[in-house]
């Protein structure tokens, strides 16, 4: 056997192995069971072993947290090995190193000579000639399989997929034809990748069966690019709190499109009868959803009416927007000689801090929601200190984490939580008003530190401040968290939480790819700089 032939055969195993793992990492149900019953126990065993050798340290997760990224990674390596396989096969065929041309010529002459033989020998010779014909067409089937896999992979590149999702969706189904061409090219189906392909098909069918149709949802727009959907727990398949607290669901809205199924982190507090899904406006799918909701006139901000409160100087410069329901419910004497009275409808009973009333409107549009899958966010409680970094709708799982921390602080290892949240518009920051009330009411203000960052200030803030001072001049504006009108420096935020002690730190980042990259780099740099020997664990 020549060296080229040895190289050619050595491509079989990595090619089939990567193709098999391409199916494996898309089997969400199997991965959930594997994490729960196998990988969690292995990770805990590694932690105990490392703590005995090095003291209290964190450890890198092996729980396959980023399954989609691993799917793309394996698909890329499969395509690379397929290209190498194709190039080497061209060399073998061109120089006839494996004798394929000689075999083809011999087969042609053999077929012509044996065509005159009797029927008794024709059946056996026919089978061998069919195998030879298949072998002769192997270059054609190989090129066909390679072209089909390229057609499948190129639209899956994130830049192309986000802009042309429909094109990606349809072309991605060519993997069925590509797999058939690959099996025909190999003369037989490889049992390795065929096993994982069958597992993926079963998992896919089970997920399709478990999708549940709900009659509608409630919605509230916090800002012009941040929307909250509220779905009753009764409309979900699995209702146990352990899955709801750190869960993730796939959502299909037929009025937007039947093709796209998008994952969303669940925001849930134990005892609630509903879950919240926060959606950031970016991309075509979310833009269509925002447009549909806008046409139904369920944006509470758009339904606000304005009334003018005249100041002492009879000036109309300061316009204070009030919700019409609040105006009807508030008892306010507008006579010039009266003393300003407190408006109960704008103050929290727990913190005495003015908050915006959320007017959820029921949206009578059916949606399809999958079963709840447990996310990796719950692993943050394996550390003494949790550092949460979020952008936009990434605040959703962070709220669930802090709600659970408030309720179960004595049961978890974590003793301190830092939250850093960046949002484009200041309007959306009011999402955490409820969280702030919970923290203050539970007396845990010293255990939870929060900082928020925004780019676009709310021009109505001055109006709300004047309204607050008019109705209730004694209300304090102090807050347990700080808000800054500037860009969030991820490195400084994380570095400010690190102390020189044997504490383990868990860093969880949920948001866009840019902030994830900054967070990962910051955690790696701080870990190397201070030589913490694995005390810092990064999650995403």
Protein backbone atom coordinates (compact mmCIF):
# COMPACT_ATOMS: atom_id res chain seq x y z
CA UNK A 1 0.00 0.00 0.00
CA UNK A 2 1.40 3.38 -1.01
CA UNK A 3 1.62 6.41 1.27
CA UNK A 4 -1.13 8.21 -0.66
CA UNK A 5 -3.48 5.27 -0.24
CA UNK A 6 -2.73 5.17 3.49
CA UNK A 7 -3.54 8.90 3.77
CA UNK A 8 -6.72 8.33 1.79
CA UNK A 9 -7.96 5.59 4.14
CA UNK A 10 -6.96 7.60 7.22
CA UNK A 11 -9.61 10.21 6.34
CA UNK A 12 -12.47 7.74 6.84
CA UNK A 13 -12.55 7.74 10.65
CA UNK A 14 -12.37 11.54 11.34
CA UNK A 15 -14.85 12.21 8.55
CA UNK A 16 -17.43 9.73 9.84
CA UNK A 17 -16.79 10.70 13.47
CA UNK A 18 -17.37 14.43 12.88
CA UNK A 19 -20.46 13.68 10.81
CA UNK A 20 -21.83 11.54 13.65
CA UNK A 21 -21.22 14.26 16.25
CA UNK A 22 -22.91 16.79 13.96
CA UNK A 23 -26.16 14.90 14.59
CA UNK A 24 -25.37 14.21 18.24
CA UNK A 25 -24.99 17.87 19.25
CA UNK A 26 -28.41 18.72 17.79
CA UNK A 27 -30.24 16.08 19.84
CA UNK A 28 -31.41 18.38 22.64
CA UNK A 29 -33.39 15.76 24.53
CA UNK A 30 -30.49 13.32 24.62
CA UNK A 31 -28.09 16.05 25.71
CA UNK A 32 -30.41 17.07 28.57
CA UNK A 33 -30.50 13.50 29.88
CA UNK A 34 -26.75 13.16 29.44
CA UNK A 35 -26.06 16.35 31.39
CA UNK A 36 -28.41 15.37 34.20
CA UNK A 37 -27.36 11.76 34.76
CA UNK A 38 -23.74 11.59 33.53
CA UNK A 39 -21.90 14.86 32.98
CA UNK A 40 -23.07 16.52 36.22
CA UNK A 41 -21.70 13.63 38.25
CA UNK A 42 -18.41 13.61 36.35
CA UNK A 43 -18.02 17.36 36.90
CA UNK A 44 -18.67 17.02 40.63
CA UNK A 45 -16.14 14.21 40.84
CA UNK A 46 -13.53 16.33 39.08
CA UNK A 47 -14.25 19.18 41.49
CA UNK A 48 -13.74 16.99 44.57
CA UNK A 49 -10.50 15.58 43.14
CA UNK A 50 -9.11 19.02 42.31
CA UNK A 51 -10.07 20.49 45.67
CA UNK A 52 -8.09 17.78 47.45
CA UNK A 53 -5.00 18.64 45.43
CA UNK A 54 -5.22 22.41 45.01
CA UNK A 55 -7.72 23.63 47.60
CA UNK A 56 -11.02 25.33 46.74
CA UNK A 57 -10.99 25.93 43.00
CA UNK A 58 -13.46 26.14 40.19
CA UNK A 59 -13.35 23.87 37.16
CA UNK A 60 -14.03 24.13 33.47
CA UNK A 61 -17.38 22.71 32.55
CA UNK A 62 -17.65 19.55 30.45
CA UNK A 63 -21.44 19.64 30.28
CA UNK A 64 -21.70 20.51 26.57
CA UNK A 65 -23.24 23.90 27.33
CA UNK A 66 -22.85 25.35 23.83
CA UNK A 67 -24.31 22.50 21.79
CA UNK A 68 -25.07 24.67 18.74
CA UNK A 69 -21.48 25.91 18.62
CA UNK A 70 -20.21 22.34 18.85
CA UNK A 71 -22.61 21.33 16.08
CA UNK A 72 -21.16 24.01 13.80
CA UNK A 73 -17.62 23.11 14.85
CA UNK A 74 -18.06 19.41 14.02
CA UNK A 75 -19.81 20.24 10.74
CA UNK A 76 -16.89 22.45 9.74
CA UNK A 77 -14.34 19.74 10.51
CA UNK A 78 -16.43 17.19 8.65
CA UNK A 79 -16.39 19.44 5.60
CA UNK A 80 -12.61 19.94 5.92
CA UNK A 81 -11.98 16.19 6.11
CA UNK A 82 -14.35 15.63 3.19
CA UNK A 83 -12.34 18.11 1.11
CA UNK A 84 -9.08 16.38 2.06
CA UNK A 85 -10.67 13.04 1.17
CA UNK A 86 -11.76 14.46 -2.19
CA UNK A 87 -8.35 15.93 -3.04
CA UNK A 88 -6.51 12.70 -2.22
CA UNK A 89 -9.03 10.69 -4.23
CA UNK A 90 -8.37 12.92 -7.25
CA UNK A 91 -4.65 12.20 -6.92
CA UNK A 92 -5.31 8.47 -6.69
CA UNK A 93 -7.65 8.51 -9.67
CA UNK A 94 -5.49 10.75 -11.86
CA UNK A 95 -2.29 8.77 -11.37
CA UNK A 96 -4.17 5.47 -11.10
CA UNK A 97 -2.37 4.63 -7.85
CA UNK A 98 -5.16 2.36 -6.74
CA UNK A 99 -5.65 0.76 -10.16
CA UNK A 100 -9.19 2.08 -10.58
CA UNK A 101 -8.71 2.85 -14.26
CA UNK A 102 -7.29 -0.61 -14.95
CA UNK A 103 -10.18 -2.20 -13.05
CA UNK A 104 -12.69 -0.14 -15.03
CA UNK A 105 -11.13 -1.20 -18.33
CA UNK A 106 -11.05 -4.82 -17.22
CA UNK A 107 -14.67 -4.62 -16.14
CA UNK A 108 -15.71 -3.20 -19.50
CA UNK A 109 -13.95 -5.94 -21.44
CA UNK A 110 -15.27 -8.59 -19.06
CA UNK A 111 -18.84 -7.39 -19.50
CA UNK A 112 -18.58 -7.49 -23.28
CA UNK A 113 -17.14 -11.01 -23.27
CA UNK A 114 -19.61 -12.35 -20.74
CA UNK A 115 -22.66 -10.91 -22.47
CA UNK A 116 -22.70 -13.98 -24.73
CA UNK A 117 -22.71 -16.51 -21.86
CA UNK A 118 -25.78 -18.41 -20.68
CA UNK A 119 -28.48 -17.28 -18.28
CA UNK A 120 -27.12 -19.48 -15.47
CA UNK A 121 -24.00 -17.37 -15.10
CA UNK A 122 -25.57 -14.01 -15.81
CA UNK A 123 -27.06 -13.51 -12.33
CA UNK A 124 -23.80 -13.87 -10.42
CA UNK A 125 -21.85 -11.83 -12.92
CA UNK A 126 -24.55 -9.20 -12.85
CA UNK A 127 -24.03 -8.57 -9.15
CA UNK A 128 -20.29 -8.18 -9.55
CA UNK A 129 -20.73 -5.93 -12.57
CA UNK A 130 -23.18 -3.76 -10.60
CA UNK A 131 -20.59 -3.35 -7.87
CA UNK A 132 -18.04 -2.41 -10.49
CA UNK A 133 -20.41 0.13 -12.01
CA UNK A 134 -20.99 1.65 -8.59
CA UNK A 135 -17.23 1.83 -8.11
CA UNK A 136 -16.88 3.56 -11.46
CA UNK A 137 -19.39 6.20 -10.41
CA UNK A 138 -17.76 6.87 -7.04
CA UNK A 139 -16.06 10.11 -8.21
CA UNK A 140 -19.43 11.41 -9.41
CA UNK A 141 -21.27 10.56 -6.18
CA UNK A 142 -18.38 11.97 -4.14
CA UNK A 143 -18.49 15.28 -6.00
CA UNK A 144 -22.28 15.37 -5.64
CA UNK A 145 -22.09 14.76 -1.88
CA UNK A 146 -19.39 17.42 -1.48
CA UNK A 147 -21.41 20.01 -3.40
CA UNK A 148 -24.55 19.27 -1.38
CA UNK A 149 -22.72 19.62 1.93
CA UNK A 150 -21.25 22.94 0.79
CA UNK A 151 -24.77 24.12 -0.12
CA UNK A 152 -25.90 23.10 3.37
CA UNK A 153 -23.01 24.72 5.22
CA UNK A 154 -22.57 28.11 3.51
CA UNK A 155 -26.08 29.46 4.36
CA UNK A 156 -25.49 28.32 7.96
CA UNK A 157 -22.71 30.88 8.40
CA UNK A 158 -24.08 33.26 11.10
CA UNK A 159 -23.86 36.40 8.95
CA UNK A 160 -25.81 34.78 6.11
CA UNK A 161 -28.21 32.88 8.37
CA UNK A 162 -29.35 36.00 10.23
CA UNK A 163 -30.05 37.97 7.05
CA UNK A 164 -31.55 35.18 4.94
CA UNK A 165 -33.09 32.80 7.43
CA UNK A 166 -35.68 31.39 5.01
CA UNK A 167 -32.90 30.55 2.55
CA UNK A 168 -30.94 28.88 5.35
CA UNK A 169 -33.98 26.93 6.53
CA UNK A 170 -34.75 25.41 3.14
CA UNK A 171 -31.16 24.70 2.08
CA UNK A 172 -30.38 23.09 5.44
CA UNK A 173 -32.77 20.26 4.57
CA UNK A 174 -30.47 19.29 1.72
CA UNK A 175 -28.47 17.41 4.35
CA UNK A 176 -30.89 14.50 3.76
CA UNK A 177 -29.88 14.28 0.09
CA UNK A 178 -26.25 14.83 1.04
CA UNK A 179 -26.36 11.95 3.54
CA UNK A 180 -27.93 9.67 0.90
CA UNK A 181 -25.24 10.64 -1.61
CA UNK A 182 -22.55 9.99 0.99
CA UNK A 183 -23.98 6.55 1.76
CA UNK A 184 -24.21 5.71 -1.95
CA UNK A 185 -20.66 6.94 -2.45
CA UNK A 186 -19.40 4.72 0.39
CA UNK A 187 -21.24 1.67 -1.05
CA UNK A 188 -22.73 1.20 2.43
CA UNK A 189 -24.05 3.35 5.26
CA UNK A 190 -21.51 3.88 8.02
CA UNK A 191 -23.01 2.48 11.27
CA UNK A 192 -21.36 5.20 13.39
CA UNK A 193 -23.04 8.25 11.92
CA UNK A 194 -26.17 6.32 10.99
CA UNK A 195 -26.74 5.51 14.68
CA UNK A 196 -26.50 9.16 15.70
CA UNK A 197 -28.66 10.19 12.74
CA UNK A 198 -31.41 7.84 13.95
CA UNK A 199 -31.09 9.23 17.48
CA UNK A 200 -31.46 12.76 16.09
CA UNK A 201 -34.56 11.78 14.10
CA UNK A 202 -36.20 10.20 17.17
CA UNK A 203 -35.30 13.24 19.29
CA UNK A 204 -36.66 15.58 16.63
CA UNK A 205 -39.94 13.68 16.37
CA UNK A 206 -40.33 13.69 20.16
CA UNK A 207 -39.75 17.45 20.28
CA UNK A 208 -42.33 18.03 17.56
CA UNK A 209 -44.89 15.94 19.43
CA UNK A 210 -44.21 17.76 22.71
CA UNK A 211 -44.89 21.20 21.20
CA UNK A 212 -48.04 22.64 22.74
CA UNK A 213 -50.39 25.19 21.24
CA UNK A 214 -51.41 28.06 23.51
CA UNK A 215 -54.36 30.36 22.82
CA UNK A 216 -52.39 33.55 23.30
CA UNK A 217 -50.15 35.58 25.55
CA UNK A 218 -49.88 38.89 27.33
CA UNK A 219 -47.39 41.49 26.23
CA UNK A 220 -45.83 44.68 27.48
CA UNK A 221 -43.27 46.85 25.76
CA UNK A 222 -40.72 48.25 28.17
CA UNK A 223 -39.00 50.31 25.48
CA UNK A 224 -39.00 50.59 21.73
CA UNK A 225 -36.66 47.59 21.45
CA UNK A 226 -37.51 45.41 24.47
CA UNK A 227 -40.70 43.38 24.79
CA UNK A 228 -41.97 41.08 27.53
CA UNK A 229 -44.26 38.17 26.73
CA UNK A 230 -46.14 36.53 29.59
CA UNK A 231 -47.41 32.96 29.18
CA UNK A 232 -49.52 31.11 31.76
CA UNK A 233 -47.85 28.13 33.39
CA UNK A 234 -51.04 26.15 32.80
CA UNK A 235 -50.29 26.26 29.06
CA UNK A 236 -46.89 24.59 29.46
CA UNK A 237 -46.14 20.89 29.19
CA UNK A 238 -43.82 20.52 32.18
CA UNK A 239 -44.70 22.63 35.18
CA UNK A 240 -42.20 21.62 37.88
CA UNK A 241 -40.44 24.61 39.40
CA UNK A 242 -36.94 23.16 38.97
CA UNK A 243 -37.27 23.37 35.19
CA UNK A 244 -39.09 26.69 35.20
CA UNK A 245 -36.45 28.45 37.32
CA UNK A 246 -33.55 27.80 34.95
CA UNK A 247 -35.33 26.78 31.79
CA UNK A 248 -35.35 27.60 28.17
CA UNK A 249 -38.15 27.16 25.62
CA UNK A 250 -38.48 27.27 21.86
CA UNK A 251 -41.18 29.57 20.56
CA UNK A 252 -43.01 29.47 17.22
CA UNK A 253 -45.41 32.28 16.31
CA UNK A 254 -47.32 31.33 13.13
CA UNK A 255 -48.43 34.91 12.50
CA UNK A 256 -44.74 35.79 12.13
CA UNK A 257 -43.58 32.62 10.35
CA UNK A 258 -44.03 28.88 10.66
CA UNK A 259 -40.41 28.19 9.78
CA UNK A 260 -38.47 29.79 12.60
CA UNK A 261 -38.25 28.36 16.10
CA UNK A 262 -36.34 30.61 18.50
CA UNK A 263 -35.03 29.75 21.98
CA UNK A 264 -35.72 32.08 24.92
CA UNK A 265 -34.60 31.96 28.53
CA UNK A 266 -37.45 31.69 31.00
CA UNK A 267 -37.90 34.28 33.73
CA UNK A 268 -39.79 32.70 36.62
CA UNK A 269 -40.21 33.22 40.34
CA UNK A 270 -41.46 30.38 42.50
CA UNK A 271 -45.14 30.86 43.25
CA UNK A 272 -45.93 32.75 40.03
CA UNK A 273 -48.63 31.44 37.72
CA UNK A 274 -46.88 32.62 34.58
CA UNK A 275 -43.47 32.83 32.95
CA UNK A 276 -41.93 35.82 31.20
CA UNK A 277 -39.93 35.84 27.97
CA UNK A 278 -37.95 38.99 27.21
CA UNK A 279 -37.38 39.66 23.51
CA UNK A 280 -34.89 42.13 22.09
CA UNK A 281 -35.71 43.76 18.76
CA UNK A 282 -32.99 42.65 16.39
CA UNK A 283 -33.31 40.78 13.14
CA UNK A 284 -36.27 40.14 10.89
CA UNK A 285 -38.18 37.75 13.13
CA UNK A 286 -38.31 40.05 16.15
CA UNK A 287 -39.01 43.08 13.95
CA UNK A 288 -42.04 41.31 12.48
CA UNK A 289 -43.23 40.41 15.97
CA UNK A 290 -42.94 44.02 17.13
CA UNK A 291 -44.82 45.20 14.02
CA UNK A 292 -47.65 42.72 14.55
CA UNK A 293 -48.07 43.73 18.17
CA UNK A 294 -47.95 47.40 17.21
CA UNK A 295 -50.76 46.91 14.71
CA UNK A 296 -52.90 45.36 17.43
CA UNK A 297 -52.34 48.46 19.55
CA UNK A 298 -51.13 46.64 22.63
CA UNK A 299 -48.13 48.84 23.26
CA UNK A 300 -48.96 50.42 26.59
CA UNK A 301 -46.56 53.27 25.94
CA UNK A 302 -48.41 54.19 22.79
CA UNK A 303 -51.70 54.28 24.73
CA UNK A 304 -50.51 56.81 27.28
CA UNK A 305 -52.27 60.16 27.19
CA UNK A 306 -50.78 63.44 28.32
CA UNK A 307 -52.25 66.02 30.64
CA UNK A 308 -50.67 69.34 31.46
CA UNK A 309 -49.97 70.31 35.05
CA UNK A 310 -49.45 74.03 35.36
CA UNK A 311 -46.71 75.11 37.75
CA UNK A 312 -46.69 78.04 40.11
CA UNK A 313 -45.59 80.33 37.30
CA UNK A 314 -48.47 79.18 35.07
CA UNK A 315 -45.90 77.78 32.64
CA UNK A 316 -46.82 75.14 30.09
CA UNK A 317 -43.22 74.19 29.41
CA UNK A 318 -43.24 71.13 31.67
CA UNK A 319 -45.55 68.47 30.28
CA UNK A 320 -46.03 65.45 32.52
CA UNK A 321 -47.27 62.27 30.76
CA UNK A 322 -49.71 60.23 32.82
CA UNK A 323 -51.49 57.02 31.99
CA UNK A 324 -55.20 57.72 31.71
CA UNK A 325 -56.02 54.93 34.21
CA UNK A 326 -53.72 56.49 36.75
CA UNK A 327 -55.39 59.87 36.33
CA UNK A 328 -58.81 58.34 37.04
CA UNK A 329 -57.60 56.38 40.07
CA UNK A 330 -55.56 59.13 41.68
CA UNK A 331 -57.23 61.59 44.01
CA UNK A 332 -55.57 64.87 43.08
CA UNK A 333 -56.91 68.32 43.88
CA UNK A 334 -55.84 70.62 41.04
CA UNK A 335 -56.93 73.87 42.69
CA UNK A 336 -54.08 76.39 43.11
CA UNK A 337 -54.58 76.75 46.88
CA UNK A 338 -54.57 73.02 47.71
CA UNK A 339 -51.58 71.15 49.07
CA UNK A 340 -50.12 68.48 46.77
CA UNK A 341 -51.34 65.01 47.70
CA UNK A 342 -49.56 61.69 47.41
CA UNK A 343 -50.42 59.55 44.41
CA UNK A 344 -50.60 55.96 45.63
CA UNK A 345 -50.83 54.52 42.14
CA UNK A 346 -47.25 55.45 41.30
CA UNK A 347 -45.51 54.16 44.42
CA UNK A 348 -44.45 50.68 45.45
CA UNK A 349 -45.94 49.55 48.75
CA UNK A 350 -42.67 47.85 49.65
CA UNK A 351 -40.10 50.52 48.83
CA UNK A 352 -42.16 53.72 48.64
CA UNK A 353 -40.39 54.31 45.33
CA UNK A 354 -42.36 55.51 42.30
CA UNK A 355 -42.61 52.85 39.63
CA UNK A 356 -44.28 52.58 36.27
CA UNK A 357 -47.49 50.58 36.19
CA UNK A 358 -47.32 47.69 33.72
CA UNK A 359 -50.45 47.44 31.60
CA UNK A 360 -50.30 43.96 30.11
CA UNK A 361 -52.65 43.43 27.19
CA UNK A 362 -53.83 40.01 26.13
CA UNK A 363 -52.77 39.15 22.61
CA UNK A 364 -55.26 36.77 20.98
CA UNK A 365 -52.82 35.07 18.65
CA UNK A 366 -52.00 31.35 18.99
CA UNK A 367 -48.40 30.37 19.55
CA UNK A 368 -46.56 27.06 19.78
CA UNK A 369 -44.23 26.49 22.70
CA UNK A 370 -41.89 23.56 23.25
CA UNK A 371 -41.18 21.62 26.40
CA UNK A 372 -38.92 23.34 28.91
CA UNK A 373 -35.26 22.40 28.70
CA UNK A 374 -32.94 23.04 31.60
CA UNK A 375 -30.20 25.51 30.78
CA UNK A 376 -26.68 25.61 32.19
CA UNK A 377 -27.34 28.82 34.13
CA UNK A 378 -28.12 26.92 37.33
CA UNK A 379 -24.48 25.88 37.58
CA UNK A 380 -23.57 29.40 38.68
CA UNK A 381 -24.52 28.42 42.24
CA UNK A 382 -21.52 26.08 42.37
CA UNK A 383 -19.40 29.12 43.24
CA UNK A 384 -19.07 31.33 46.32
CA UNK A 385 -19.55 34.53 44.32
CA UNK A 386 -21.72 34.87 41.20
CA UNK A 387 -20.93 37.62 38.69
CA UNK A 388 -23.80 38.08 36.23
CA UNK A 389 -23.19 40.06 33.03
CA UNK A 390 -26.10 40.67 30.66
CA UNK A 391 -27.12 42.82 27.73
CA UNK A 392 -30.63 43.51 26.47
CA UNK A 393 -32.99 40.56 26.88
CA UNK A 394 -30.20 38.62 28.60
CA UNK A 395 -31.61 40.00 31.86
CA UNK A 396 -34.29 37.28 31.78
CA UNK A 397 -32.29 34.38 33.33
CA UNK A 398 -30.52 36.80 35.67
CA UNK A 399 -33.84 37.74 37.27
CA UNK A 400 -34.65 34.06 37.81
CA UNK A 401 -31.23 33.48 39.38
CA UNK A 402 -31.56 36.37 41.83
CA UNK A 403 -35.18 35.50 42.69
CA UNK A 404 -34.05 31.97 43.52
CA UNK A 405 -31.08 33.31 45.50
CA UNK A 406 -33.39 35.50 47.59
CA UNK A 407 -35.67 32.56 48.34
CA UNK A 408 -33.00 29.87 48.88
CA UNK A 409 -29.97 31.81 50.09
CA UNK A 410 -29.31 29.41 52.96
CA UNK A 411 -29.48 26.35 50.71
CA UNK A 412 -26.95 27.37 48.06
CA UNK A 413 -23.19 27.77 48.19
CA UNK A 414 -23.28 31.27 46.70
CA UNK A 415 -23.06 34.10 49.25
CA UNK A 416 -22.81 37.17 47.03
CA UNK A 417 -24.19 38.18 43.63
CA UNK A 418 -23.09 41.02 41.34
CA UNK A 419 -25.29 41.98 38.40
CA UNK A 420 -24.10 44.18 35.51
CA UNK A 421 -26.70 44.88 32.85
CA UNK A 422 -26.32 46.99 29.70
CA UNK A 423 -29.42 48.06 27.78
CA UNK A 424 -29.71 50.38 24.83
CA UNK A 425 -32.60 52.47 26.16
CA UNK A 426 -33.06 53.71 29.71
CA UNK A 427 -36.78 52.88 29.56
CA UNK A 428 -36.08 49.16 29.73
CA UNK A 429 -34.13 49.44 32.97
CA UNK A 430 -37.39 49.65 34.89
CA UNK A 431 -37.67 45.88 34.50
CA UNK A 432 -35.60 45.45 37.66
CA UNK A 433 -37.83 47.67 39.82
CA UNK A 434 -39.69 44.58 40.99
CA UNK A 435 -36.38 42.86 41.72
CA UNK A 436 -35.22 45.84 43.74
CA UNK A 437 -38.39 45.71 45.82
CA UNK A 438 -37.85 42.02 46.52
CA UNK A 439 -34.24 42.57 47.58
CA UNK A 440 -35.09 45.41 49.95
CA UNK A 441 -38.09 43.61 51.41
CA UNK A 442 -36.01 40.49 52.12
CA UNK A 443 -33.21 42.48 53.77
CA UNK A 444 -30.58 41.23 51.31
CA UNK A 445 -29.40 44.55 49.92
CA UNK A 446 -25.86 43.81 51.14
CA UNK A 447 -25.75 40.48 49.29
CA UNK A 448 -26.87 41.66 45.85
CA UNK A 449 -25.08 44.50 44.03
CA UNK A 450 -26.54 45.83 40.78
CA UNK A 451 -25.19 48.24 38.17
CA UNK A 452 -27.02 49.18 34.98
CA UNK A 453 -25.75 50.94 31.87
CA UNK A 454 -27.67 52.54 29.04
CA UNK A 455 -26.97 54.44 25.84
CA UNK A 456 -30.13 56.43 25.12
CA UNK A 457 -31.59 58.32 28.10
CA UNK A 458 -35.33 58.61 28.45
CA UNK A 459 -36.35 62.21 27.69
CA UNK A 460 -39.44 61.77 29.87
CA UNK A 461 -37.40 61.14 32.99
CA UNK A 462 -37.41 64.83 33.82
CA UNK A 463 -41.20 64.82 33.52
CA UNK A 464 -41.56 61.85 35.87
CA UNK A 465 -39.18 63.46 38.36
CA UNK A 466 -41.23 66.67 38.34
CA UNK A 467 -44.47 64.73 38.69
CA UNK A 468 -42.99 62.82 41.63
CA UNK A 469 -41.85 65.97 43.38
CA UNK A 470 -45.23 67.64 42.77
CA UNK A 471 -47.35 64.83 44.23
CA UNK A 472 -44.94 63.55 46.86
CA UNK A 473 -42.00 65.85 47.60
CA UNK A 474 -40.85 63.64 50.53
CA UNK A 475 -40.22 60.52 48.41
CA UNK A 476 -36.55 59.55 48.48
CA UNK A 477 -34.85 58.75 45.20
CA UNK A 478 -32.21 56.47 46.67
CA UNK A 479 -31.76 53.10 45.01
CA UNK A 480 -29.74 50.02 45.86
CA UNK A 481 -28.32 49.93 42.35
CA UNK A 482 -26.38 52.44 40.26
CA UNK A 483 -27.27 53.47 36.73
CA UNK A 484 -24.80 55.02 34.30
CA UNK A 485 -25.32 56.69 30.94
CA UNK A 486 -22.21 55.21 29.34
CA UNK A 487 -20.79 52.09 27.77
CA UNK A 488 -20.24 49.17 30.12
CA UNK A 489 -16.58 48.26 30.61
CA UNK A 490 -16.81 44.50 31.10
CA UNK A 491 -13.23 44.11 32.31
CA UNK A 492 -13.54 46.78 35.00
CA UNK A 493 -16.89 45.42 36.15
CA UNK A 494 -15.57 41.89 36.61
CA UNK A 495 -12.23 42.98 38.05
CA UNK A 496 -13.97 45.10 40.69
CA UNK A 497 -15.61 41.96 42.10
CA UNK A 498 -12.44 39.88 42.46
CA UNK A 499 -10.75 39.70 45.85
CA UNK A 500 -7.49 38.04 46.94
CA UNK A 501 -9.02 35.20 48.91
CA UNK A 502 -9.73 31.50 48.38
CA UNK A 503 -13.24 32.26 47.14
CA UNK A 504 -14.43 30.69 43.89
CA UNK A 505 -16.02 32.98 41.31
CA UNK A 506 -18.57 32.07 38.68
CA UNK A 507 -19.03 34.44 35.74
CA UNK A 508 -22.24 34.02 33.74
CA UNK A 509 -22.72 36.07 30.57
CA UNK A 510 -25.96 36.20 28.57
CA UNK A 511 -26.25 38.64 25.70
CA UNK A 512 -24.90 39.41 22.26
CA UNK A 513 -21.77 37.78 20.86
CA UNK A 514 -19.66 40.90 21.41
CA UNK A 515 -20.27 41.13 25.14
CA UNK A 516 -19.77 37.36 25.48
CA UNK A 517 -16.38 37.62 23.82
CA UNK A 518 -15.38 40.52 26.09
CA UNK A 519 -16.54 38.63 29.16
CA UNK A 520 -14.67 35.46 28.22
CA UNK A 521 -11.47 37.36 27.51
CA UNK A 522 -11.75 39.32 30.75
CA UNK A 523 -12.26 36.17 32.83
CA UNK A 524 -9.30 34.42 31.19
CA UNK A 525 -7.04 37.46 31.57
CA UNK A 526 -7.89 37.98 35.24
CA UNK A 527 -7.41 34.29 35.96
CA UNK A 528 -3.94 34.27 34.35
CA UNK A 529 -2.87 37.59 35.80
CA UNK A 530 -3.69 36.77 39.41
CA UNK A 531 -2.75 33.07 39.07
CA UNK A 532 -6.01 31.87 40.58
CA UNK A 533 -5.44 28.30 39.37
CA UNK A 534 -8.97 27.78 38.12
CA UNK A 535 -10.87 29.68 40.82
CA UNK A 536 -12.71 31.61 38.11
CA UNK A 537 -15.29 29.62 36.16
CA UNK A 538 -16.88 31.09 33.03
CA UNK A 539 -20.40 30.16 31.88
CA UNK A 540 -22.38 31.33 28.86
